[in-house]
Amino acid sequence: MKKHFTLIELLVVIAIIAILAAILLPALNSARERGRSADCISRSKQLFIGLSAYSDSNDDWIIKHSDNTWTTPASYLTYWGGRLGYLGHIGNSAGSTDKSAFLKSCRFYFLCDSALGLGNGVGYHDCYNVLYGKGINAAVAGKKTYIAHDQGVTPSKVPYVAETRYWYSYYGDEDKKRLTFIHNNQNGANYLFLDGHVDTVNKTMVMASTYKDWFYGTGKGLK
Protein backbone atom coordinates (compact mmCIF):
# COMPACT_ATOMS: atom_id res chain seq x y z
CA MET A 1 0.00 0.00 0.00
CA LYS A 2 1.15 3.51 -0.81
CA LYS A 3 1.48 5.75 2.22
CA HIS A 4 -0.04 9.23 2.13
CA PHE A 5 0.12 12.21 4.45
CA THR A 6 -2.76 12.39 6.83
CA LEU A 7 -4.49 15.72 7.39
CA ILE A 8 -2.88 16.00 10.83
CA GLU A 9 0.60 15.35 9.43
CA LEU A 10 0.04 17.94 6.72
CA LEU A 11 -1.06 20.51 9.29
CA VAL A 12 2.00 19.75 11.41
CA VAL A 13 4.28 20.34 8.41
CA ILE A 14 2.53 23.63 7.62
CA ALA A 15 2.83 24.70 11.25
CA ILE A 16 6.56 23.92 11.29
CA ILE A 17 7.07 25.94 8.10
CA ALA A 18 5.12 28.85 9.59
CA ILE A 19 7.22 28.76 12.77
CA LEU A 20 10.49 28.69 10.80
CA ALA A 21 9.30 31.58 8.64
CA ALA A 22 8.40 33.61 11.73
CA ILE A 23 11.89 32.99 13.14
CA LEU A 24 13.82 33.68 9.95
CA LEU A 25 11.92 36.62 8.43
CA PRO A 26 13.00 39.21 11.04
CA ALA A 27 16.61 38.18 10.53
CA LEU A 28 16.21 38.42 6.75
CA ASN A 29 14.55 41.82 7.02
CA SER A 30 17.33 43.00 9.31
CA ALA A 31 19.98 41.79 6.88
CA ARG A 32 18.15 43.47 4.00
CA GLU A 33 18.01 46.77 5.89
CA ARG A 34 21.70 46.53 6.74
CA GLY A 35 22.37 46.09 3.04
CA ARG A 36 20.28 49.14 2.21
CA SER A 37 22.07 51.15 4.88
CA ALA A 38 25.45 50.14 3.45
CA ASP A 39 24.25 51.18 -0.01
CA CYS A 40 23.14 54.58 1.33
CA ILE A 41 26.53 55.04 2.98
CA SER A 42 28.23 54.35 -0.34
CA ARG A 43 26.02 56.89 -2.09
CA SER A 44 26.80 59.54 0.53
CA LYS A 45 30.53 59.01 0.11
CA GLN A 46 30.20 59.45 -3.63
CA LEU A 47 28.13 62.57 -3.06
CA PHE A 48 30.96 63.97 -0.93
CA ILE A 49 33.28 63.71 -3.93
CA GLY A 50 30.88 65.92 -5.89
CA LEU A 51 30.54 68.40 -3.03
CA SER A 52 34.30 68.61 -2.70
CA ALA A 53 34.65 69.10 -6.45
CA TYR A 54 32.26 72.06 -6.24
CA SER A 55 34.31 73.60 -3.41
CA ASP A 56 37.56 73.04 -5.27
CA SER A 57 36.13 74.88 -8.27
CA ASN A 58 34.69 77.74 -6.20
CA ASP A 59 37.54 79.04 -4.08
CA ASP A 60 36.77 76.51 -1.30
CA TRP A 61 33.24 77.81 -0.75
CA ILE A 62 30.68 75.21 0.35
CA ILE A 63 27.54 75.10 -1.79
CA LYS A 64 24.40 76.77 -0.42
CA HIS A 65 21.25 74.73 0.07
CA SER A 66 19.51 77.03 -2.45
CA ASP A 67 20.07 80.34 -4.18
CA ASN A 68 17.68 82.25 -6.43
CA THR A 69 20.63 84.06 -8.00
CA TRP A 70 21.58 80.82 -9.74
CA THR A 71 19.79 82.02 -12.84
CA THR A 72 19.06 79.08 -15.08
CA PRO A 73 16.12 78.15 -17.32
CA ALA A 74 14.94 75.45 -14.90
CA SER A 75 13.72 76.19 -11.36
CA TYR A 76 14.93 72.90 -9.88
CA LEU A 77 18.51 74.01 -10.59
CA THR A 78 18.27 76.65 -7.85
CA TYR A 79 18.54 73.85 -5.28
CA TRP A 80 21.91 72.43 -4.30
CA GLY A 81 21.35 69.05 -5.90
CA GLY A 82 20.32 70.42 -9.25
CA ARG A 83 23.17 72.90 -9.11
CA LEU A 84 25.74 70.15 -8.56
CA GLY A 85 24.38 68.26 -11.55
CA TYR A 86 24.18 71.33 -13.78
CA LEU A 87 27.80 72.21 -13.03
CA GLY A 88 28.91 68.64 -13.71
CA HIS A 89 30.07 67.73 -10.22
CA ILE A 90 27.72 64.74 -10.05
CA GLY A 91 26.10 62.66 -12.76
CA ASN A 92 26.58 63.38 -16.43
CA SER A 93 24.11 66.20 -17.12
CA ALA A 94 26.57 69.13 -17.04
CA GLY A 95 25.20 72.27 -18.69
CA SER A 96 21.87 70.60 -19.46
CA THR A 97 18.45 71.69 -18.26
CA ASP A 98 16.92 68.42 -19.43
CA LYS A 99 15.35 67.20 -16.20
CA SER A 100 14.99 63.63 -17.42
CA ALA A 101 18.74 63.45 -18.04
CA PHE A 102 19.42 64.91 -14.62
CA LEU A 103 17.09 62.48 -12.87
CA LYS A 104 18.58 59.52 -14.70
CA SER A 105 22.16 60.30 -13.73
CA CYS A 106 21.77 62.04 -10.36
CA ARG A 107 18.89 60.41 -8.51
CA PHE A 108 21.32 57.81 -7.18
CA TYR A 109 23.01 60.47 -5.04
CA PHE A 110 19.92 61.86 -3.31
CA LEU A 111 17.55 59.01 -2.71
CA CYS A 112 18.09 55.73 -0.90
CA ASP A 113 15.73 52.82 -1.46
CA SER A 114 14.72 52.90 2.20
CA ALA A 115 13.67 56.55 1.96
CA LEU A 116 11.65 55.83 -1.18
CA GLY A 117 9.89 52.99 0.60
CA LEU A 118 8.61 55.34 3.31
CA GLY A 119 6.42 57.21 0.87
CA ASN A 120 6.05 60.84 -0.23
CA GLY A 121 6.02 63.34 2.62
CA VAL A 122 7.63 60.80 4.95
CA GLY A 123 10.94 59.67 3.56
CA TYR A 124 11.68 62.14 0.79
CA HIS A 125 10.71 65.50 -0.65
CA ASP A 126 9.46 66.15 -4.17
CA CYS A 127 11.00 69.41 -5.37
CA TYR A 128 10.03 70.24 -8.98
CA ASN A 129 9.65 66.47 -9.44
CA VAL A 130 13.20 65.92 -8.21
CA LEU A 131 13.18 63.56 -5.25
CA TYR A 132 15.41 64.38 -2.28
CA GLY A 133 16.01 61.80 0.43
CA LYS A 134 19.01 63.76 1.67
CA GLY A 135 19.30 67.35 2.87
CA ILE A 136 22.37 69.55 3.11
CA ASN A 137 23.13 71.28 6.41
CA ALA A 138 21.73 74.79 5.99
CA ALA A 139 23.73 75.96 9.02
CA VAL A 140 27.07 75.36 7.34
CA ALA A 141 28.32 78.31 5.34
CA GLY A 142 31.61 79.87 4.34
CA LYS A 143 34.86 78.40 3.12
CA LYS A 144 36.19 74.95 3.91
CA THR A 145 39.32 76.57 5.33
CA TYR A 146 37.24 78.74 7.64
CA ILE A 147 35.11 75.87 8.82
CA ALA A 148 38.07 73.59 9.34
CA HIS A 149 40.26 75.95 11.34
CA ASP A 150 38.26 78.74 12.96
CA GLN A 151 36.53 78.65 16.38
CA GLY A 152 37.63 75.16 17.29
CA VAL A 153 35.50 73.47 14.65
CA THR A 154 35.53 69.66 14.64
CA PRO A 155 34.78 68.58 11.04
CA SER A 156 34.22 64.96 12.05
CA LYS A 157 31.26 66.07 14.21
CA VAL A 158 29.67 68.62 11.88
CA PRO A 159 26.87 67.12 9.77
CA TYR A 160 27.19 67.97 6.09
CA VAL A 161 24.41 65.97 4.44
CA ALA A 162 21.81 63.91 6.32
CA GLU A 163 19.05 61.52 5.35
CA THR A 164 16.04 63.79 5.48
CA ARG A 165 12.58 64.18 4.06
CA TYR A 166 13.54 67.60 2.68
CA TRP A 167 16.31 69.17 0.59
CA TYR A 168 18.01 70.80 3.55
CA SER A 169 18.52 70.01 7.24
CA TYR A 170 19.04 72.25 10.24
CA TYR A 171 19.20 72.26 14.03
CA GLY A 172 15.81 73.93 14.63
CA ASP A 173 13.01 71.82 16.07
CA GLU A 174 10.81 72.05 13.00
CA ASP A 175 13.67 71.12 10.73
CA LYS A 176 14.82 68.20 12.88
CA LYS A 177 11.34 66.76 12.51
CA ARG A 178 12.09 66.43 8.81
CA LEU A 179 14.88 63.96 9.42
CA THR A 180 14.21 60.42 8.25
CA PHE A 181 15.42 57.83 10.71
CA ILE A 182 15.04 55.00 8.28
CA HIS A 183 17.51 52.50 9.70
CA ASN A 184 17.85 50.58 12.95
CA ASN A 185 14.10 50.39 13.54
CA GLN A 186 13.59 54.09 12.83
CA ASN A 187 16.12 55.15 15.47
CA GLY A 188 19.08 55.96 13.24
CA ALA A 189 19.95 57.83 10.08
CA ASN A 190 23.07 57.96 7.94
CA TYR A 191 24.97 61.24 8.11
CA LEU A 192 27.77 62.49 5.91
CA PHE A 193 30.11 64.62 8.02
CA LEU A 194 32.23 67.57 6.98
CA ASP A 195 35.42 65.52 7.00
CA GLY A 196 33.93 63.08 4.47
CA HIS A 197 33.14 60.06 6.66
CA VAL A 198 29.63 58.60 6.96
CA ASP A 199 28.11 57.25 10.14
CA THR A 200 24.76 56.24 11.57
CA VAL A 201 23.51 58.84 14.05
CA ASN A 202 21.20 58.20 16.98
CA LYS A 203 17.85 59.96 16.85
CA THR A 204 17.98 61.03 20.50
CA MET A 205 21.26 62.88 20.00
CA VAL A 206 19.98 64.67 16.91
CA MET A 207 16.79 65.84 18.59
CA ALA A 208 18.81 67.18 21.54
CA SER A 209 21.42 68.91 19.36
CA THR A 210 22.01 72.68 19.16
CA TYR A 211 23.58 75.05 16.67
CA LYS A 212 26.97 74.30 18.23
CA ASP A 213 26.66 70.70 17.11
CA TRP A 214 25.47 71.58 13.63
CA PHE A 215 27.76 74.47 12.78
CA TYR A 216 30.87 74.04 14.90
CA GLY A 217 30.79 70.46 16.14
CA THR A 218 31.76 71.81 19.55
CA GLY A 219 28.67 70.80 21.50
CA LYS A 220 27.61 67.26 22.36
CA GLY A 221 28.38 66.18 18.84
CA LEU A 222 26.26 63.87 16.76
CA LYS A 223 27.89 60.55 17.61
C-alpha atoms as a PDB file:
ATOM      1  CA  MET A   1       0.000   0.000   0.000  1.00  0.00           C
ATOM      2  CA  LYS A   2       1.154   3.508  -0.808  1.00  0.00           C
ATOM      3  CA  LYS A   3       1.484   5.750   2.215  1.00  0.00           C
ATOM      4  CA  HIS A   4      -0.041   9.228   2.129  1.00  0.00           C
ATOM      5  CA  PHE A   5       0.116  12.207   4.445  1.00  0.00           C
ATOM      6  CA  THR A   6      -2.759  12.389   6.834  1.00  0.00           C
ATOM      7  CA  LEU A   7      -4.491  15.716   7.392  1.00  0.00           C
ATOM      8  CA  ILE A   8      -2.885  15.997  10.832  1.00  0.00           C
ATOM      9  CA  GLU A   9       0.598  15.351   9.432  1.00  0.00           C
ATOM     10  CA  LEU A  10       0.044  17.944   6.719  1.00  0.00           C
ATOM     11  CA  LEU A  11      -1.061  20.514   9.286  1.00  0.00           C
ATOM     12  CA  VAL A  12       1.997  19.755  11.408  1.00  0.00           C
ATOM     13  CA  VAL A  13       4.284  20.340   8.414  1.00  0.00           C
ATOM     14  CA  ILE A  14       2.526  23.630   7.620  1.00  0.00           C
ATOM     15  CA  ALA A  15       2.830  24.695  11.253  1.00  0.00           C
ATOM     16  CA  ILE A  16       6.561  23.924  11.286  1.00  0.00           C
ATOM     17  CA  ILE A  17       7.075  25.940   8.104  1.00  0.00           C
ATOM     18  CA  ALA A  18       5.125  28.854   9.592  1.00  0.00           C
ATOM     19  CA  ILE A  19       7.224  28.765  12.769  1.00  0.00           C
ATOM     20  CA  LEU A  20      10.485  28.691  10.804  1.00  0.00           C
ATOM     21  CA  ALA A  21       9.299  31.577   8.645  1.00  0.00           C
ATOM     22  CA  ALA A  22       8.396  33.606  11.732  1.00  0.00           C
ATOM     23  CA  ILE A  23      11.890  32.990  13.138  1.00  0.00           C
ATOM     24  CA  LEU A  24      13.817  33.675   9.948  1.00  0.00           C
ATOM     25  CA  LEU A  25      11.922  36.620   8.429  1.00  0.00           C
ATOM     26  CA  PRO A  26      13.005  39.206  11.043  1.00  0.00           C
ATOM     27  CA  ALA A  27      16.611  38.181  10.534  1.00  0.00           C
ATOM     28  CA  LEU A  28      16.214  38.417   6.751  1.00  0.00           C
ATOM     29  CA  ASN A  29      14.554  41.822   7.022  1.00  0.00           C
ATOM     30  CA  SER A  30      17.329  43.003   9.312  1.00  0.00           C
ATOM     31  CA  ALA A  31      19.976  41.792   6.879  1.00  0.00           C
ATOM     32  CA  ARG A  32      18.148  43.466   3.999  1.00  0.00           C
ATOM     33  CA  GLU A  33      18.013  46.768   5.887  1.00  0.00           C
ATOM     34  CA  ARG A  34      21.704  46.533   6.737  1.00  0.00           C
ATOM     35  CA  GLY A  35      22.369  46.091   3.044  1.00  0.00           C
ATOM     36  CA  ARG A  36      20.282  49.143   2.207  1.00  0.00           C
ATOM     37  CA  SER A  37      22.072  51.150   4.876  1.00  0.00           C
ATOM     38  CA  ALA A  38      25.450  50.144   3.447  1.00  0.00           C
ATOM     39  CA  ASP A  39      24.247  51.183  -0.006  1.00  0.00           C
ATOM     40  CA  CYS A  40      23.144  54.583   1.330  1.00  0.00           C
ATOM     41  CA  ILE A  41      26.534  55.043   2.980  1.00  0.00           C
ATOM     42  CA  SER A  42      28.231  54.348  -0.337  1.00  0.00           C
ATOM     43  CA  ARG A  43      26.016  56.889  -2.088  1.00  0.00           C
ATOM     44  CA  SER A  44      26.800  59.539   0.529  1.00  0.00           C
ATOM     45  CA  LYS A  45      30.531  59.011   0.112  1.00  0.00           C
ATOM     46  CA  GLN A  46      30.201  59.447  -3.631  1.00  0.00           C
ATOM     47  CA  LEU A  47      28.133  62.573  -3.062  1.00  0.00           C
ATOM     48  CA  PHE A  48      30.960  63.969  -0.927  1.00  0.00           C
ATOM     49  CA  ILE A  49      33.280  63.707  -3.926  1.00  0.00           C
ATOM     50  CA  GLY A  50      30.879  65.920  -5.888  1.00  0.00           C
ATOM     51  CA  LEU A  51      30.540  68.398  -3.032  1.00  0.00           C
ATOM     52  CA  SER A  52      34.303  68.612  -2.698  1.00  0.00           C
ATOM     53  CA  ALA A  53      34.654  69.105  -6.449  1.00  0.00           C
ATOM     54  CA  TYR A  54      32.262  72.055  -6.236  1.00  0.00           C
ATOM     55  CA  SER A  55      34.306  73.601  -3.413  1.00  0.00           C
ATOM     56  CA  ASP A  56      37.562  73.045  -5.266  1.00  0.00           C
ATOM     57  CA  SER A  57      36.127  74.877  -8.274  1.00  0.00           C
ATOM     58  CA  ASN A  58      34.686  77.742  -6.201  1.00  0.00           C
ATOM     59  CA  ASP A  59      37.540  79.041  -4.082  1.00  0.00           C
ATOM     60  CA  ASP A  60      36.768  76.505  -1.303  1.00  0.00           C
ATOM     61  CA  TRP A  61      33.243  77.810  -0.751  1.00  0.00           C
ATOM     62  CA  ILE A  62      30.681  75.214   0.346  1.00  0.00           C
ATOM     63  CA  ILE A  63      27.543  75.104  -1.794  1.00  0.00           C
ATOM     64  CA  LYS A  64      24.398  76.771  -0.415  1.00  0.00           C
ATOM     65  CA  HIS A  65      21.249  74.732   0.068  1.00  0.00           C
ATOM     66  CA  SER A  66      19.505  77.032  -2.447  1.00  0.00           C
ATOM     67  CA  ASP A  67      20.072  80.343  -4.178  1.00  0.00           C
ATOM     68  CA  ASN A  68      17.682  82.249  -6.427  1.00  0.00           C
ATOM     69  CA  THR A  69      20.631  84.064  -7.996  1.00  0.00           C
ATOM     70  CA  TRP A  70      21.584  80.819  -9.735  1.00  0.00           C
ATOM     71  CA  THR A  71      19.795  82.019 -12.840  1.00  0.00           C
ATOM     72  CA  THR A  72      19.060  79.077 -15.080  1.00  0.00           C
ATOM     73  CA  PRO A  73      16.119  78.148 -17.316  1.00  0.00           C
ATOM     74  CA  ALA A  74      14.941  75.450 -14.899  1.00  0.00           C
ATOM     75  CA  SER A  75      13.721  76.185 -11.358  1.00  0.00           C
ATOM     76  CA  TYR A  76      14.930  72.904  -9.877  1.00  0.00           C
ATOM     77  CA  LEU A  77      18.508  74.006 -10.593  1.00  0.00           C
ATOM     78  CA  THR A  78      18.266  76.653  -7.852  1.00  0.00           C
ATOM     79  CA  TYR A  79      18.540  73.855  -5.285  1.00  0.00           C
ATOM     80  CA  TRP A  80      21.910  72.430  -4.301  1.00  0.00           C
ATOM     81  CA  GLY A  81      21.350  69.050  -5.896  1.00  0.00           C
ATOM     82  CA  GLY A  82      20.318  70.420  -9.253  1.00  0.00           C
ATOM     83  CA  ARG A  83      23.169  72.905  -9.107  1.00  0.00           C
ATOM     84  CA  LEU A  84      25.740  70.154  -8.558  1.00  0.00           C
ATOM     85  CA  GLY A  85      24.378  68.256 -11.547  1.00  0.00           C
ATOM     86  CA  TYR A  86      24.182  71.334 -13.783  1.00  0.00           C
ATOM     87  CA  LEU A  87      27.803  72.206 -13.027  1.00  0.00           C
ATOM     88  CA  GLY A  88      28.908  68.638 -13.715  1.00  0.00           C
ATOM     89  CA  HIS A  89      30.069  67.730 -10.215  1.00  0.00           C
ATOM     90  CA  ILE A  90      27.717  64.741 -10.051  1.00  0.00           C
ATOM     91  CA  GLY A  91      26.105  62.657 -12.757  1.00  0.00           C
ATOM     92  CA  ASN A  92      26.578  63.380 -16.428  1.00  0.00           C
ATOM     93  CA  SER A  93      24.113  66.200 -17.125  1.00  0.00           C
ATOM     94  CA  ALA A  94      26.569  69.128 -17.041  1.00  0.00           C
ATOM     95  CA  GLY A  95      25.197  72.265 -18.693  1.00  0.00           C
ATOM     96  CA  SER A  96      21.873  70.598 -19.464  1.00  0.00           C
ATOM     97  CA  THR A  97      18.447  71.692 -18.264  1.00  0.00           C
ATOM     98  CA  ASP A  98      16.923  68.417 -19.429  1.00  0.00           C
ATOM     99  CA  LYS A  99      15.348  67.196 -16.205  1.00  0.00           C
ATOM    100  CA  SER A 100      14.991  63.628 -17.423  1.00  0.00           C
ATOM    101  CA  ALA A 101      18.736  63.454 -18.042  1.00  0.00           C
ATOM    102  CA  PHE A 102      19.423  64.911 -14.616  1.00  0.00           C
ATOM    103  CA  LEU A 103      17.094  62.479 -12.873  1.00  0.00           C
ATOM    104  CA  LYS A 104      18.576  59.516 -14.698  1.00  0.00           C
ATOM    105  CA  SER A 105      22.157  60.301 -13.727  1.00  0.00           C
ATOM    106  CA  CYS A 106      21.770  62.041 -10.361  1.00  0.00           C
ATOM    107  CA  ARG A 107      18.887  60.412  -8.507  1.00  0.00           C
ATOM    108  CA  PHE A 108      21.320  57.808  -7.180  1.00  0.00           C
ATOM    109  CA  TYR A 109      23.014  60.468  -5.036  1.00  0.00           C
ATOM    110  CA  PHE A 110      19.925  61.858  -3.312  1.00  0.00           C
ATOM    111  CA  LEU A 111      17.548  59.006  -2.715  1.00  0.00           C
ATOM    112  CA  CYS A 112      18.087  55.726  -0.899  1.00  0.00           C
ATOM    113  CA  ASP A 113      15.726  52.824  -1.456  1.00  0.00           C
ATOM    114  CA  SER A 114      14.719  52.900   2.202  1.00  0.00           C
ATOM    115  CA  ALA A 115      13.673  56.549   1.956  1.00  0.00           C
ATOM    116  CA  LEU A 116      11.653  55.826  -1.177  1.00  0.00           C
ATOM    117  CA  GLY A 117       9.886  52.992   0.598  1.00  0.00           C
ATOM    118  CA  LEU A 118       8.606  55.336   3.310  1.00  0.00           C
ATOM    119  CA  GLY A 119       6.418  57.208   0.870  1.00  0.00           C
ATOM    120  CA  ASN A 120       6.046  60.838  -0.230  1.00  0.00           C
ATOM    121  CA  GLY A 121       6.021  63.341   2.623  1.00  0.00           C
ATOM    122  CA  VAL A 122       7.629  60.803   4.953  1.00  0.00           C
ATOM    123  CA  GLY A 123      10.944  59.671   3.556  1.00  0.00           C
ATOM    124  CA  TYR A 124      11.681  62.137   0.790  1.00  0.00           C
ATOM    125  CA  HIS A 125      10.710  65.496  -0.654  1.00  0.00           C
ATOM    126  CA  ASP A 126       9.462  66.154  -4.168  1.00  0.00           C
ATOM    127  CA  CYS A 127      11.001  69.410  -5.375  1.00  0.00           C
ATOM    128  CA  TYR A 128      10.032  70.240  -8.979  1.00  0.00           C
ATOM    129  CA  ASN A 129       9.646  66.467  -9.439  1.00  0.00           C
ATOM    130  CA  VAL A 130      13.197  65.924  -8.208  1.00  0.00           C
ATOM    131  CA  LEU A 131      13.182  63.560  -5.253  1.00  0.00           C
ATOM    132  CA  TYR A 132      15.411  64.379  -2.284  1.00  0.00           C
ATOM    133  CA  GLY A 133      16.013  61.804   0.429  1.00  0.00           C
ATOM    134  CA  LYS A 134      19.012  63.764   1.670  1.00  0.00           C
ATOM    135  CA  GLY A 135      19.299  67.350   2.865  1.00  0.00           C
ATOM    136  CA  ILE A 136      22.366  69.548   3.110  1.00  0.00           C
ATOM    137  CA  ASN A 137      23.132  71.276   6.414  1.00  0.00           C
ATOM    138  CA  ALA A 138      21.731  74.789   5.993  1.00  0.00           C
ATOM    139  CA  ALA A 139      23.730  75.962   9.024  1.00  0.00           C
ATOM    140  CA  VAL A 140      27.074  75.360   7.336  1.00  0.00           C
ATOM    141  CA  ALA A 141      28.324  78.314   5.344  1.00  0.00           C
ATOM    142  CA  GLY A 142      31.610  79.874   4.342  1.00  0.00           C
ATOM    143  CA  LYS A 143      34.861  78.403   3.118  1.00  0.00           C
ATOM    144  CA  LYS A 144      36.195  74.954   3.908  1.00  0.00           C
ATOM    145  CA  THR A 145      39.316  76.567   5.329  1.00  0.00           C
ATOM    146  CA  TYR A 146      37.238  78.745   7.635  1.00  0.00           C
ATOM    147  CA  ILE A 147      35.110  75.868   8.822  1.00  0.00           C
ATOM    148  CA  ALA A 148      38.071  73.589   9.340  1.00  0.00           C
ATOM    149  CA  HIS A 149      40.262  75.953  11.342  1.00  0.00           C
ATOM    150  CA  ASP A 150      38.257  78.740  12.963  1.00  0.00           C
ATOM    151  CA  GLN A 151      36.533  78.654  16.377  1.00  0.00           C
ATOM    152  CA  GLY A 152      37.631  75.159  17.289  1.00  0.00           C
ATOM    153  CA  VAL A 153      35.505  73.469  14.647  1.00  0.00           C
ATOM    154  CA  THR A 154      35.534  69.665  14.642  1.00  0.00           C
ATOM    155  CA  PRO A 155      34.778  68.581  11.036  1.00  0.00           C
ATOM    156  CA  SER A 156      34.221  64.960  12.046  1.00  0.00           C
ATOM    157  CA  LYS A 157      31.265  66.067  14.206  1.00  0.00           C
ATOM    158  CA  VAL A 158      29.675  68.619  11.885  1.00  0.00           C
ATOM    159  CA  PRO A 159      26.867  67.120   9.769  1.00  0.00           C
ATOM    160  CA  TYR A 160      27.192  67.975   6.088  1.00  0.00           C
ATOM    161  CA  VAL A 161      24.407  65.967   4.436  1.00  0.00           C
ATOM    162  CA  ALA A 162      21.813  63.911   6.317  1.00  0.00           C
ATOM    163  CA  GLU A 163      19.054  61.521   5.349  1.00  0.00           C
ATOM    164  CA  THR A 164      16.036  63.790   5.480  1.00  0.00           C
ATOM    165  CA  ARG A 165      12.582  64.185   4.062  1.00  0.00           C
ATOM    166  CA  TYR A 166      13.543  67.599   2.684  1.00  0.00           C
ATOM    167  CA  TRP A 167      16.314  69.167   0.590  1.00  0.00           C
ATOM    168  CA  TYR A 168      18.011  70.802   3.553  1.00  0.00           C
ATOM    169  CA  SER A 169      18.521  70.007   7.236  1.00  0.00           C
ATOM    170  CA  TYR A 170      19.039  72.249  10.244  1.00  0.00           C
ATOM    171  CA  TYR A 171      19.205  72.262  14.034  1.00  0.00           C
ATOM    172  CA  GLY A 172      15.807  73.932  14.626  1.00  0.00           C
ATOM    173  CA  ASP A 173      13.009  71.821  16.073  1.00  0.00           C
ATOM    174  CA  GLU A 174      10.806  72.048  12.999  1.00  0.00           C
ATOM    175  CA  ASP A 175      13.674  71.117  10.728  1.00  0.00           C
ATOM    176  CA  LYS A 176      14.818  68.203  12.878  1.00  0.00           C
ATOM    177  CA  LYS A 177      11.338  66.759  12.505  1.00  0.00           C
ATOM    178  CA  ARG A 178      12.089  66.430   8.806  1.00  0.00           C
ATOM    179  CA  LEU A 179      14.876  63.964   9.418  1.00  0.00           C
ATOM    180  CA  THR A 180      14.207  60.422   8.250  1.00  0.00           C
ATOM    181  CA  PHE A 181      15.416  57.832  10.713  1.00  0.00           C
ATOM    182  CA  ILE A 182      15.044  54.998   8.276  1.00  0.00           C
ATOM    183  CA  HIS A 183      17.514  52.504   9.699  1.00  0.00           C
ATOM    184  CA  ASN A 184      17.849  50.581  12.948  1.00  0.00           C
ATOM    185  CA  ASN A 185      14.097  50.392  13.545  1.00  0.00           C
ATOM    186  CA  GLN A 186      13.585  54.094  12.829  1.00  0.00           C
ATOM    187  CA  ASN A 187      16.123  55.152  15.469  1.00  0.00           C
ATOM    188  CA  GLY A 188      19.083  55.960  13.242  1.00  0.00           C
ATOM    189  CA  ALA A 189      19.954  57.826  10.076  1.00  0.00           C
ATOM    190  CA  ASN A 190      23.075  57.955   7.940  1.00  0.00           C
ATOM    191  CA  TYR A 191      24.969  61.240   8.113  1.00  0.00           C
ATOM    192  CA  LEU A 192      27.769  62.487   5.913  1.00  0.00           C
ATOM    193  CA  PHE A 193      30.111  64.623   8.020  1.00  0.00           C
ATOM    194  CA  LEU A 194      32.232  67.567   6.983  1.00  0.00           C
ATOM    195  CA  ASP A 195      35.419  65.518   6.998  1.00  0.00           C
ATOM    196  CA  GLY A 196      33.934  63.078   4.473  1.00  0.00           C
ATOM    197  CA  HIS A 197      33.141  60.064   6.656  1.00  0.00           C
ATOM    198  CA  VAL A 198      29.632  58.603   6.964  1.00  0.00           C
ATOM    199  CA  ASP A 199      28.113  57.248  10.143  1.00  0.00           C
ATOM    200  CA  THR A 200      24.758  56.243  11.573  1.00  0.00           C
ATOM    201  CA  VAL A 201      23.508  58.838  14.054  1.00  0.00           C
ATOM    202  CA  ASN A 202      21.204  58.198  16.977  1.00  0.00           C
ATOM    203  CA  LYS A 203      17.850  59.963  16.851  1.00  0.00           C
ATOM    204  CA  THR A 204      17.977  61.028  20.503  1.00  0.00           C
ATOM    205  CA  MET A 205      21.257  62.882  19.998  1.00  0.00           C
ATOM    206  CA  VAL A 206      19.982  64.666  16.912  1.00  0.00           C
ATOM    207  CA  MET A 207      16.789  65.842  18.594  1.00  0.00           C
ATOM    208  CA  ALA A 208      18.809  67.181  21.543  1.00  0.00           C
ATOM    209  CA  SER A 209      21.418  68.909  19.360  1.00  0.00           C
ATOM    210  CA  THR A 210      22.006  72.676  19.156  1.00  0.00           C
ATOM    211  CA  TYR A 211      23.582  75.047  16.667  1.00  0.00           C
ATOM    212  CA  LYS A 212      26.971  74.302  18.228  1.00  0.00           C
ATOM    213  CA  ASP A 213      26.656  70.698  17.113  1.00  0.00           C
ATOM    214  CA  TRP A 214      25.469  71.577  13.625  1.00  0.00           C
ATOM    215  CA  PHE A 215      27.757  74.466  12.784  1.00  0.00           C
ATOM    216  CA  TYR A 216      30.867  74.043  14.897  1.00  0.00           C
ATOM    217  CA  GLY A 217      30.789  70.457  16.137  1.00  0.00           C
ATOM    218  CA  THR A 218      31.759  71.814  19.550  1.00  0.00           C
ATOM    219  CA  GLY A 219      28.673  70.796  21.496  1.00  0.00           C
ATOM    220  CA  LYS A 220      27.612  67.256  22.360  1.00  0.00           C
ATOM    221  CA  GLY A 221      28.385  66.182  18.841  1.00  0.00           C
ATOM    222  CA  LEU A 222      26.264  63.870  16.761  1.00  0.00           C
ATOM    223  CA  LYS A 223      27.885  60.548  17.610  1.00  0.00           C
END
